[in-house]
């Protein structure tokens, strides 16, 4: 799944968010990497949306047929948001307990 996603990256998702890549760790984590662009304060921009983003992720993982593989395998999801200098400004971790 990560390889398939990486075949179409990087891709702008909206005016501020670029999806850069995905990876899988040996600890059963699926990681998504994003860059926040077109702002001088990525941290502030992200803080305004963090709660909504987390709730949307949990809802999608819990209900999407395409993400059933995560539910069936108790995968932890990690979302890393970096600024234009590639410094991590936020990360969101969603564990199986949060989406089941």
PDB file of N, CA and C in Angstrom:
ATOM      1  N   UNK A   1       0.816  -1.189   0.000  1.00  0.00           N
ATOM      2  CA  UNK A   1       0.000   0.000   0.000  1.00  0.00           C
ATOM      3  C   UNK A   1       0.866   1.263   0.000  1.00  0.00           C
ATOM      4  N   UNK A   2       1.928   1.267   0.817  1.00  0.00           N
ATOM      5  CA  UNK A   2       2.821   2.428   0.852  1.00  0.00           C
ATOM      6  C   UNK A   2       3.485   2.630  -0.502  1.00  0.00           C
ATOM      7  N   UNK A   3       3.915   1.555  -1.127  1.00  0.00           N
ATOM      8  CA  UNK A   3       4.555   1.664  -2.446  1.00  0.00           C
ATOM      9  C   UNK A   3       3.603   2.247  -3.474  1.00  0.00           C
ATOM     10  N   UNK A   4       2.353   1.811  -3.443  1.00  0.00           N
ATOM     11  CA  UNK A   4       1.353   2.352  -4.378  1.00  0.00           C
ATOM     12  C   UNK A   4       1.145   3.844  -4.152  1.00  0.00           C
ATOM     13  N   UNK A   5       1.031   4.249  -2.911  1.00  0.00           N
ATOM     14  CA  UNK A   5       0.859   5.670  -2.607  1.00  0.00           C
ATOM     15  C   UNK A   5       2.074   6.478  -3.057  1.00  0.00           C
ATOM     16  N   UNK A   6       3.259   5.948  -2.808  1.00  0.00           N
ATOM     17  CA  UNK A   6       4.477   6.675  -3.147  1.00  0.00           C
ATOM     18  C   UNK A   6       4.655   6.843  -4.651  1.00  0.00           C
ATOM     19  N   UNK A   7       3.995   6.010  -5.431  1.00  0.00           N
ATOM     20  CA  UNK A   7       4.062   6.133  -6.875  1.00  0.00           C
ATOM     21  C   UNK A   7       3.407   7.382  -7.412  1.00  0.00           C
ATOM     22  N   UNK A   8       2.577   8.024  -6.593  1.00  0.00           N
ATOM     23  CA  UNK A   8       1.883   9.233  -7.051  1.00  0.00           C
ATOM     24  C   UNK A   8       2.236  10.459  -6.211  1.00  0.00           C
ATOM     25  N   UNK A   9       3.337  10.405  -5.506  1.00  0.00           N
ATOM     26  CA  UNK A   9       3.740  11.534  -4.664  1.00  0.00           C
ATOM     27  C   UNK A   9       4.934  12.246  -5.264  1.00  0.00           C
ATOM     28  N   UNK A  10       5.177  13.476  -4.921  1.00  0.00           N
ATOM     29  CA  UNK A  10       4.357  14.311  -4.047  1.00  0.00           C
ATOM     30  C   UNK A  10       3.131  14.834  -4.784  1.00  0.00           C
ATOM     31  N   UNK A  11       2.098  15.139  -4.013  1.00  0.00           N
ATOM     32  CA  UNK A  11       0.867  15.672  -4.587  1.00  0.00           C
ATOM     33  C   UNK A  11       0.263  16.693  -3.613  1.00  0.00           C
ATOM     34  N   UNK A  12      -0.132  17.825  -4.151  1.00  0.00           N
ATOM     35  CA  UNK A  12      -0.784  18.849  -3.332  1.00  0.00           C
ATOM     36  C   UNK A  12      -2.219  18.413  -3.061  1.00  0.00           C
ATOM     37  N   UNK A  13      -2.610  18.417  -1.790  1.00  0.00           N
ATOM     38  CA  UNK A  13      -3.967  18.047  -1.394  1.00  0.00           C
ATOM     39  C   UNK A  13      -4.875  19.256  -1.298  1.00  0.00           C
ATOM     40  N   UNK A  14      -4.287  20.369  -0.928  1.00  0.00           N
ATOM     41  CA  UNK A  14      -4.991  21.650  -0.878  1.00  0.00           C
ATOM     42  C   UNK A  14      -3.929  22.745  -0.944  1.00  0.00           C
ATOM     43  N   UNK A  15      -4.338  23.966  -0.723  1.00  0.00           N
ATOM     44  CA  UNK A  15      -3.412  25.096  -0.854  1.00  0.00           C
ATOM     45  C   UNK A  15      -2.210  25.013   0.085  1.00  0.00           C
ATOM     46  N   UNK A  16      -2.378  24.355   1.234  1.00  0.00           N
ATOM     47  CA  UNK A  16      -1.333  24.322   2.249  1.00  0.00           C
ATOM     48  C   UNK A  16      -0.677  22.962   2.451  1.00  0.00           C
ATOM     49  N   UNK A  17      -1.282  21.897   1.989  1.00  0.00           N
ATOM     50  CA  UNK A  17      -0.837  20.554   2.362  1.00  0.00           C
ATOM     51  C   UNK A  17      -0.371  19.746   1.165  1.00  0.00           C
ATOM     52  N   UNK A  18       0.868  19.276   1.254  1.00  0.00           N
ATOM     53  CA  UNK A  18       1.415  18.383   0.233  1.00  0.00           C
ATOM     54  C   UNK A  18       1.648  17.018   0.876  1.00  0.00           C
ATOM     55  N   UNK A  19       1.113  15.983   0.235  1.00  0.00           N
ATOM     56  CA  UNK A  19       1.374  14.613   0.676  1.00  0.00           C
ATOM     57  C   UNK A  19       2.677  14.186   0.019  1.00  0.00           C
ATOM     58  N   UNK A  20       3.669  13.831   0.843  1.00  0.00           N
ATOM     59  CA  UNK A  20       5.008  13.530   0.342  1.00  0.00           C
ATOM     60  C   UNK A  20       5.295  12.045   0.171  1.00  0.00           C
ATOM     61  N   UNK A  21       4.892  11.242   1.144  1.00  0.00           N
ATOM     62  CA  UNK A  21       5.212   9.811   1.059  1.00  0.00           C
ATOM     63  C   UNK A  21       4.521   9.049   2.180  1.00  0.00           C
ATOM     64  N   UNK A  22       4.675   7.726   2.102  1.00  0.00           N
ATOM     65  CA  UNK A  22       4.162   6.822   3.139  1.00  0.00           C
ATOM     66  C   UNK A  22       5.209   5.746   3.378  1.00  0.00           C
ATOM     67  N   UNK A  23       5.184   5.171   4.565  1.00  0.00           N
ATOM     68  CA  UNK A  23       6.102   4.075   4.876  1.00  0.00           C
ATOM     69  C   UNK A  23       5.464   3.157   5.912  1.00  0.00           C
ATOM     70  N   UNK A  24       6.071   2.006   6.078  1.00  0.00           N
ATOM     71  CA  UNK A  24       5.624   1.020   7.060  1.00  0.00           C
ATOM     72  C   UNK A  24       6.813   0.694   7.949  1.00  0.00           C
ATOM     73  N   UNK A  25       6.576   0.626   9.253  1.00  0.00           N
ATOM     74  CA  UNK A  25       7.659   0.276  10.169  1.00  0.00           C
ATOM     75  C   UNK A  25       7.507  -1.167  10.637  1.00  0.00           C
ATOM     76  N   UNK A  26       8.550  -1.675  11.211  1.00  0.00           N
ATOM     77  CA  UNK A  26       8.510  -3.041  11.731  1.00  0.00           C
ATOM     78  C   UNK A  26       7.632  -3.147  12.971  1.00  0.00           C
ATOM     79  N   UNK A  27       7.237  -2.003  13.535  1.00  0.00           N
ATOM     80  CA  UNK A  27       6.373  -1.978  14.720  1.00  0.00           C
ATOM     81  C   UNK A  27       4.896  -1.910  14.369  1.00  0.00           C
ATOM     82  N   UNK A  28       4.550  -2.320  13.129  1.00  0.00           N
ATOM     83  CA  UNK A  28       3.161  -2.341  12.663  1.00  0.00           C
ATOM     84  C   UNK A  28       2.544  -0.943  12.625  1.00  0.00           C
ATOM     85  N   UNK A  29       3.365   0.018  12.186  1.00  0.00           N
ATOM     86  CA  UNK A  29       2.893   1.389  12.017  1.00  0.00           C
ATOM     87  C   UNK A  29       2.894   1.746  10.532  1.00  0.00           C
ATOM     88  N   UNK A  30       1.836   2.403  10.115  1.00  0.00           N
ATOM     89  CA  UNK A  30       1.763   2.936   8.760  1.00  0.00           C
ATOM     90  C   UNK A  30       1.901   4.442   8.900  1.00  0.00           C
ATOM     91  N   UNK A  31       2.926   5.005   8.270  1.00  0.00           N
ATOM     92  CA  UNK A  31       3.249   6.420   8.443  1.00  0.00           C
ATOM     93  C   UNK A  31       2.976   7.210   7.173  1.00  0.00           C
ATOM     94  N   UNK A  32       2.361   8.352   7.360  1.00  0.00           N
ATOM     95  CA  UNK A  32       2.103   9.298   6.272  1.00  0.00           C
ATOM     96  C   UNK A  32       2.927  10.554   6.552  1.00  0.00           C
ATOM     97  N   UNK A  33       3.523  11.108   5.501  1.00  0.00           N
ATOM     98  CA  UNK A  33       4.353  12.300   5.643  1.00  0.00           C
ATOM     99  C   UNK A  33       3.794  13.426   4.776  1.00  0.00           C
ATOM    100  N   UNK A  34       3.562  14.564   5.418  1.00  0.00           N
ATOM    101  CA  UNK A  34       3.007  15.733   4.747  1.00  0.00           C
ATOM    102  C   UNK A  34       3.911  16.934   4.989  1.00  0.00           C
ATOM    103  N   UNK A  35       3.838  17.893   4.080  1.00  0.00           N
ATOM    104  CA  UNK A  35       4.513  19.169   4.275  1.00  0.00           C
ATOM    105  C   UNK A  35       3.459  20.271   4.214  1.00  0.00           C
ATOM    106  N   UNK A  36       3.541  21.192   5.177  1.00  0.00           N
ATOM    107  CA  UNK A  36       2.657  22.354   5.199  1.00  0.00           C
ATOM    108  C   UNK A  36       3.401  23.492   4.502  1.00  0.00           C
ATOM    109  N   UNK A  37       2.799  24.003   3.442  1.00  0.00           N
ATOM    110  CA  UNK A  37       3.429  25.021   2.597  1.00  0.00           C
ATOM    111  C   UNK A  37       2.595  26.300   2.556  1.00  0.00           C
ATOM    112  N   UNK A  38       3.147  27.310   1.922  1.00  0.00           N
ATOM    113  CA  UNK A  38       2.443  28.575   1.654  1.00  0.00           C
ATOM    114  C   UNK A  38       1.981  29.292   2.915  1.00  0.00           C
ATOM    115  N   UNK A  39       2.762  29.156   3.956  1.00  0.00           N
ATOM    116  CA  UNK A  39       2.479  29.871   5.197  1.00  0.00           C
ATOM    117  C   UNK A  39       3.799  30.137   5.911  1.00  0.00           C
ATOM    118  N   UNK A  40       3.862  31.218   6.646  1.00  0.00           N
ATOM    119  CA  UNK A  40       5.068  31.520   7.414  1.00  0.00           C
ATOM    120  C   UNK A  40       5.026  30.889   8.799  1.00  0.00           C
ATOM    121  N   UNK A  41       3.858  30.334   9.170  1.00  0.00           N
ATOM    122  CA  UNK A  41       3.719  29.745  10.492  1.00  0.00           C
ATOM    123  C   UNK A  41       2.930  28.435  10.397  1.00  0.00           C
ATOM    124  N   UNK A  42       3.619  27.376   9.985  1.00  0.00           N
ATOM    125  CA  UNK A  42       2.973  26.071   9.817  1.00  0.00           C
ATOM    126  C   UNK A  42       2.390  25.563  11.127  1.00  0.00           C
ATOM    127  N   UNK A  43       3.066  25.830  12.221  1.00  0.00           N
ATOM    128  CA  UNK A  43       2.598  25.368  13.528  1.00  0.00           C
ATOM    129  C   UNK A  43       1.242  25.975  13.870  1.00  0.00           C
ATOM    130  N   UNK A  44       1.106  27.251  13.684  1.00  0.00           N
ATOM    131  CA  UNK A  44      -0.150  27.936  13.977  1.00  0.00           C
ATOM    132  C   UNK A  44      -1.287  27.448  13.086  1.00  0.00           C
ATOM    133  N   UNK A  45      -1.000  27.319  11.803  1.00  0.00           N
ATOM    134  CA  UNK A  45      -2.002  26.834  10.860  1.00  0.00           C
ATOM    135  C   UNK A  45      -2.482  25.445  11.258  1.00  0.00           C
ATOM    136  N   UNK A  46      -1.555  24.574  11.599  1.00  0.00           N
ATOM    137  CA  UNK A  46      -1.915  23.213  11.962  1.00  0.00           C
ATOM    138  C   UNK A  46      -2.705  23.168  13.266  1.00  0.00           C
ATOM    139  N   UNK A  47      -2.330  23.979  14.236  1.00  0.00           N
ATOM    140  CA  UNK A  47      -3.029  23.981  15.529  1.00  0.00           C
ATOM    141  C   UNK A  47      -4.514  24.263  15.376  1.00  0.00           C
ATOM    142  N   UNK A  48      -4.869  25.097  14.416  1.00  0.00           N
ATOM    143  CA  UNK A  48      -6.270  25.428  14.187  1.00  0.00           C
ATOM    144  C   UNK A  48      -7.069  24.214  13.695  1.00  0.00           C
ATOM    145  N   UNK A  49      -6.403  23.284  13.036  1.00  0.00           N
ATOM    146  CA  UNK A  49      -7.106  22.170  12.398  1.00  0.00           C
ATOM    147  C   UNK A  49      -6.847  20.805  13.031  1.00  0.00           C
ATOM    148  N   UNK A  50      -5.953  20.728  13.993  1.00  0.00           N
ATOM    149  CA  UNK A  50      -5.514  19.436  14.521  1.00  0.00           C
ATOM    150  C   UNK A  50      -6.660  18.564  15.022  1.00  0.00           C
ATOM    151  N   UNK A  51      -7.560  19.123  15.806  1.00  0.00           N
ATOM    152  CA  UNK A  51      -8.667  18.329  16.354  1.00  0.00           C
ATOM    153  C   UNK A  51      -9.551  17.783  15.241  1.00  0.00           C
ATOM    154  N   UNK A  52      -9.874  18.609  14.272  1.00  0.00           N
ATOM    155  CA  UNK A  52     -10.715  18.182  13.151  1.00  0.00           C
ATOM    156  C   UNK A  52     -10.020  17.099  12.340  1.00  0.00           C
ATOM    157  N   UNK A  53      -8.736  17.266  12.095  1.00  0.00           N
ATOM    158  CA  UNK A  53      -7.971  16.276  11.328  1.00  0.00           C
ATOM    159  C   UNK A  53      -7.977  14.941  12.063  1.00  0.00           C
ATOM    160  N   UNK A  54      -7.705  14.955  13.357  1.00  0.00           N
ATOM    161  CA  UNK A  54      -7.677  13.712  14.146  1.00  0.00           C
ATOM    162  C   UNK A  54      -9.027  13.001  14.122  1.00  0.00           C
ATOM    163  N   UNK A  55     -10.100  13.754  14.287  1.00  0.00           N
ATOM    164  CA  UNK A  55     -11.434  13.152  14.268  1.00  0.00           C
ATOM    165  C   UNK A  55     -11.764  12.574  12.894  1.00  0.00           C
ATOM    166  N   UNK A  56     -11.395  13.269  11.837  1.00  0.00           N
ATOM    167  CA  UNK A  56     -11.637  12.766  10.477  1.00  0.00           C
ATOM    168  C   UNK A  56     -10.865  11.485  10.208  1.00  0.00           C
ATOM    169  N   UNK A  57      -9.627  11.414  10.659  1.00  0.00           N
ATOM    170  CA  UNK A  57      -8.819  10.210  10.467  1.00  0.00           C
ATOM    171  C   UNK A  57      -9.473   9.027  11.182  1.00  0.00           C
ATOM    172  N   UNK A  58      -9.820   9.214  12.450  1.00  0.00           N
ATOM    173  CA  UNK A  58     -10.447   8.125  13.219  1.00  0.00           C
ATOM    174  C   UNK A  58     -11.731   7.637  12.542  1.00  0.00           C
ATOM    175  N   UNK A  59     -12.524   8.551  12.089  1.00  0.00           N
ATOM    176  CA  UNK A  59     -13.780   8.199  11.437  1.00  0.00           C
ATOM    177  C   UNK A  59     -13.543   7.422  10.143  1.00  0.00           C
ATOM    178  N   UNK A  60     -12.611   7.881   9.343  1.00  0.00           N
ATOM    179  CA  UNK A  60     -12.320   7.195   8.074  1.00  0.00           C
ATOM    180  C   UNK A  60     -11.777   5.799   8.299  1.00  0.00           C
ATOM    181  N   UNK A  61     -10.834   5.657   9.214  1.00  0.00           N
ATOM    182  CA  UNK A  61     -10.247   4.339   9.464  1.00  0.00           C
ATOM    183  C   UNK A  61     -11.299   3.389  10.022  1.00  0.00           C
ATOM    184  N   UNK A  62     -12.186   3.883  10.852  1.00  0.00           N
ATOM    185  CA  UNK A  62     -13.216   3.043  11.460  1.00  0.00           C
ATOM    186  C   UNK A  62     -14.252   2.556  10.461  1.00  0.00           C
ATOM    187  N   UNK A  63     -14.487   3.318   9.384  1.00  0.00           N
ATOM    188  CA  UNK A  63     -15.617   2.987   8.516  1.00  0.00           C
ATOM    189  C   UNK A  63     -15.290   2.691   7.057  1.00  0.00           C
ATOM    190  N   UNK A  64     -14.135   3.105   6.572  1.00  0.00           N
ATOM    191  CA  UNK A  64     -13.842   2.946   5.150  1.00  0.00           C
ATOM    192  C   UNK A  64     -13.508   1.493   4.794  1.00  0.00           C
ATOM    193  N   UNK A  65     -14.193   0.931   3.799  1.00  0.00           N
ATOM    194  CA  UNK A  65     -13.852  -0.426   3.348  1.00  0.00           C
ATOM    195  C   UNK A  65     -12.419  -0.519   2.839  1.00  0.00           C
ATOM    196  N   UNK A  66     -11.907   0.565   2.263  1.00  0.00           N
ATOM    197  CA  UNK A  66     -10.534   0.566   1.743  1.00  0.00           C
ATOM    198  C   UNK A  66      -9.494   0.479   2.853  1.00  0.00           C
ATOM    199  N   UNK A  67      -9.870   0.842   4.063  1.00  0.00           N
ATOM    200  CA  UNK A  67      -8.925   0.837   5.182  1.00  0.00           C
ATOM    201  C   UNK A  67      -9.147  -0.338   6.130  1.00  0.00           C
ATOM    202  N   UNK A  68      -9.947  -1.272   5.704  1.00  0.00           N
ATOM    203  CA  UNK A  68     -10.217  -2.457   6.525  1.00  0.00           C
ATOM    204  C   UNK A  68      -8.935  -3.210   6.879  1.00  0.00           C
ATOM    205  N   UNK A  69      -7.976  -3.210   5.970  1.00  0.00           N
ATOM    206  CA  UNK A  69      -6.710  -3.904   6.230  1.00  0.00           C
ATOM    207  C   UNK A  69      -6.043  -3.380   7.497  1.00  0.00           C
ATOM    208  N   UNK A  70      -6.177  -2.082   7.776  1.00  0.00           N
ATOM    209  CA  UNK A  70      -5.624  -1.521   9.005  1.00  0.00           C
ATOM    210  C   UNK A  70      -6.371  -2.054  10.223  1.00  0.00           C
ATOM    211  N   UNK A  71      -7.694  -2.081  10.142  1.00  0.00           N
ATOM    212  CA  UNK A  71      -8.510  -2.576  11.263  1.00  0.00           C
ATOM    213  C   UNK A  71      -8.231  -4.056  11.526  1.00  0.00           C
ATOM    214  N   UNK A  72      -8.175  -4.839  10.456  1.00  0.00           N
ATOM    215  CA  UNK A  72      -7.972  -6.282  10.600  1.00  0.00           C
ATOM    216  C   UNK A  72      -6.602  -6.634  11.176  1.00  0.00           C
ATOM    217  N   UNK A  73      -5.626  -5.752  10.999  1.00  0.00           N
ATOM    218  CA  UNK A  73      -4.257  -6.036  11.425  1.00  0.00           C
ATOM    219  C   UNK A  73      -3.773  -5.155  12.573  1.00  0.00           C
ATOM    220  N   UNK A  74      -4.703  -4.435  13.214  1.00  0.00           N
ATOM    221  CA  UNK A  74      -4.359  -3.583  14.364  1.00  0.00           C
ATOM    222  C   UNK A  74      -3.168  -2.666  14.093  1.00  0.00           C
ATOM    223  N   UNK A  75      -3.229  -1.984  12.977  1.00  0.00           N
ATOM    224  CA  UNK A  75      -2.148  -1.089  12.571  1.00  0.00           C
ATOM    225  C   UNK A  75      -2.289   0.260  13.285  1.00  0.00           C
ATOM    226  N   UNK A  76      -1.182   0.758  13.777  1.00  0.00           N
ATOM    227  CA  UNK A  76      -1.126   2.118  14.311  1.00  0.00           C
ATOM    228  C   UNK A  76      -0.814   3.052  13.151  1.00  0.00           C
ATOM    229  N   UNK A  77      -1.551   4.146  13.073  1.00  0.00           N
ATOM    230  CA  UNK A  77      -1.351   5.118  11.999  1.00  0.00           C
ATOM    231  C   UNK A  77      -0.644   6.339  12.559  1.00  0.00           C
ATOM    232  N   UNK A  78       0.380   6.800  11.839  1.00  0.00           N
ATOM    233  CA  UNK A  78       1.118   7.999  12.258  1.00  0.00           C
ATOM    234  C   UNK A  78       1.121   8.980  11.106  1.00  0.00           C
ATOM    235  N   UNK A  79       0.820  10.205  11.422  1.00  0.00           N
ATOM    236  CA  UNK A  79       0.761  11.286  10.441  1.00  0.00           C
ATOM    237  C   UNK A  79       1.756  12.351  10.870  1.00  0.00           C
ATOM    238  N   UNK A  80       2.776  12.566  10.046  1.00  0.00           N
ATOM    239  CA  UNK A  80       3.804  13.556  10.335  1.00  0.00           C
ATOM    240  C   UNK A  80       3.604  14.775   9.445  1.00  0.00           C
ATOM    241  N   UNK A  81       3.544  15.937  10.063  1.00  0.00           N
ATOM    242  CA  UNK A  81       3.376  17.194   9.345  1.00  0.00           C
ATOM    243  C   UNK A  81       4.643  18.017   9.542  1.00  0.00           C
ATOM    244  N   UNK A  82       5.284  18.364   8.420  1.00  0.00           N
ATOM    245  CA  UNK A  82       6.542  19.107   8.470  1.00  0.00           C
ATOM    246  C   UNK A  82       6.358  20.491   7.859  1.00  0.00           C
ATOM    247  N   UNK A  83       7.233  21.400   8.251  1.00  0.00           N
ATOM    248  CA  UNK A  83       7.219  22.725   7.634  1.00  0.00           C
ATOM    249  C   UNK A  83       8.064  22.687   6.359  1.00  0.00           C
ATOM    250  N   UNK A  84       8.192  23.821   5.712  1.00  0.00           N
ATOM    251  CA  UNK A  84       8.911  23.864   4.435  1.00  0.00           C
ATOM    252  C   UNK A  84      10.392  23.538   4.572  1.00  0.00           C
ATOM    253  N   UNK A  85      10.944  23.584   5.786  1.00  0.00           N
ATOM    254  CA  UNK A  85      12.336  23.207   6.035  1.00  0.00           C
ATOM    255  C   UNK A  85      12.461  21.739   6.452  1.00  0.00           C
ATOM    256  N   UNK A  86      11.338  21.019   6.418  1.00  0.00           N
ATOM    257  CA  UNK A  86      11.243  19.598   6.753  1.00  0.00           C
ATOM    258  C   UNK A  86      11.401  19.297   8.245  1.00  0.00           C
ATOM    259  N   UNK A  87      11.151  20.309   9.088  1.00  0.00           N
ATOM    260  CA  UNK A  87      11.099  20.089  10.531  1.00  0.00           C
ATOM    261  C   UNK A  87       9.697  19.598  10.884  1.00  0.00           C
ATOM    262  N   UNK A  88       9.601  18.553  11.680  1.00  0.00           N
ATOM    263  CA  UNK A  88       8.286  18.057  12.098  1.00  0.00           C
ATOM    264  C   UNK A  88       7.668  19.072  13.045  1.00  0.00           C
ATOM    265  N   UNK A  89       6.508  19.597  12.665  1.00  0.00           N
ATOM    266  CA  UNK A  89       5.812  20.557  13.520  1.00  0.00           C
ATOM    267  C   UNK A  89       4.708  19.877  14.317  1.00  0.00           C
ATOM    268  N   UNK A  90       4.200  18.775  13.801  1.00  0.00           N
ATOM    269  CA  UNK A  90       3.176  18.008  14.521  1.00  0.00           C
ATOM    270  C   UNK A  90       3.189  16.574  14.036  1.00  0.00           C
ATOM    271  N   UNK A  91       2.786  15.702  14.932  1.00  0.00           N
ATOM    272  CA  UNK A  91       2.495  14.348  14.492  1.00  0.00           C
ATOM    273  C   UNK A  91       1.266  13.865  15.238  1.00  0.00           C
ATOM    274  N   UNK A  92       0.481  13.103  14.516  1.00  0.00           N
ATOM    275  CA  UNK A  92      -0.751  12.544  15.063  1.00  0.00           C
ATOM    276  C   UNK A  92      -0.600  11.034  15.036  1.00  0.00           C
ATOM    277  N   UNK A  93      -0.884  10.403  16.152  1.00  0.00           N
ATOM    278  CA  UNK A  93      -0.844   8.947  16.233  1.00  0.00           C
ATOM    279  C   UNK A  93      -2.247   8.455  16.542  1.00  0.00           C
ATOM    280  N   UNK A  94      -2.705   7.509  15.729  1.00  0.00           N
ATOM    281  CA  UNK A  94      -4.017   6.898  15.918  1.00  0.00           C
ATOM    282  C   UNK A  94      -3.790   5.398  16.144  1.00  0.00           C
ATOM    283  N   UNK A  95      -4.126   4.933  17.329  1.00  0.00           N
ATOM    284  CA  UNK A  95      -3.920   3.529  17.671  1.00  0.00           C
ATOM    285  C   UNK A  95      -5.194   2.729  17.385  1.00  0.00           C
ATOM    286  N   UNK A  96      -5.073   1.406  17.304  1.00  0.00           N
ATOM    287  CA  UNK A  96      -6.265   0.572  17.072  1.00  0.00           C
ATOM    288  C   UNK A  96      -7.376   0.826  18.106  1.00  0.00           C
ATOM    289  N   UNK A  97      -7.014   1.079  19.353  1.00  0.00           N
ATOM    290  CA  UNK A  97      -8.019   1.357  20.388  1.00  0.00           C
ATOM    291  C   UNK A  97      -8.840   2.593  20.068  1.00  0.00           C
ATOM    292  N   UNK A  98      -8.275   3.518  19.304  1.00  0.00           N
ATOM    293  CA  UNK A  98      -8.959   4.766  18.995  1.00  0.00           C
ATOM    294  C   UNK A  98      -9.911   4.636  17.801  1.00  0.00           C
ATOM    295  N   UNK A  99      -9.682   3.664  16.932  1.00  0.00           N
ATOM    296  CA  UNK A  99     -10.554   3.551  15.758  1.00  0.00           C
ATOM    297  C   UNK A  99     -11.429   2.323  15.749  1.00  0.00           C
ATOM    298  N   UNK A 100     -11.289   1.447  16.708  1.00  0.00           N
ATOM    299  CA  UNK A 100     -12.136   0.247  16.769  1.00  0.00           C
ATOM    300  C   UNK A 100     -13.313   0.462  17.684  1.00  0.00           C
TER     301      UNK A 100
END
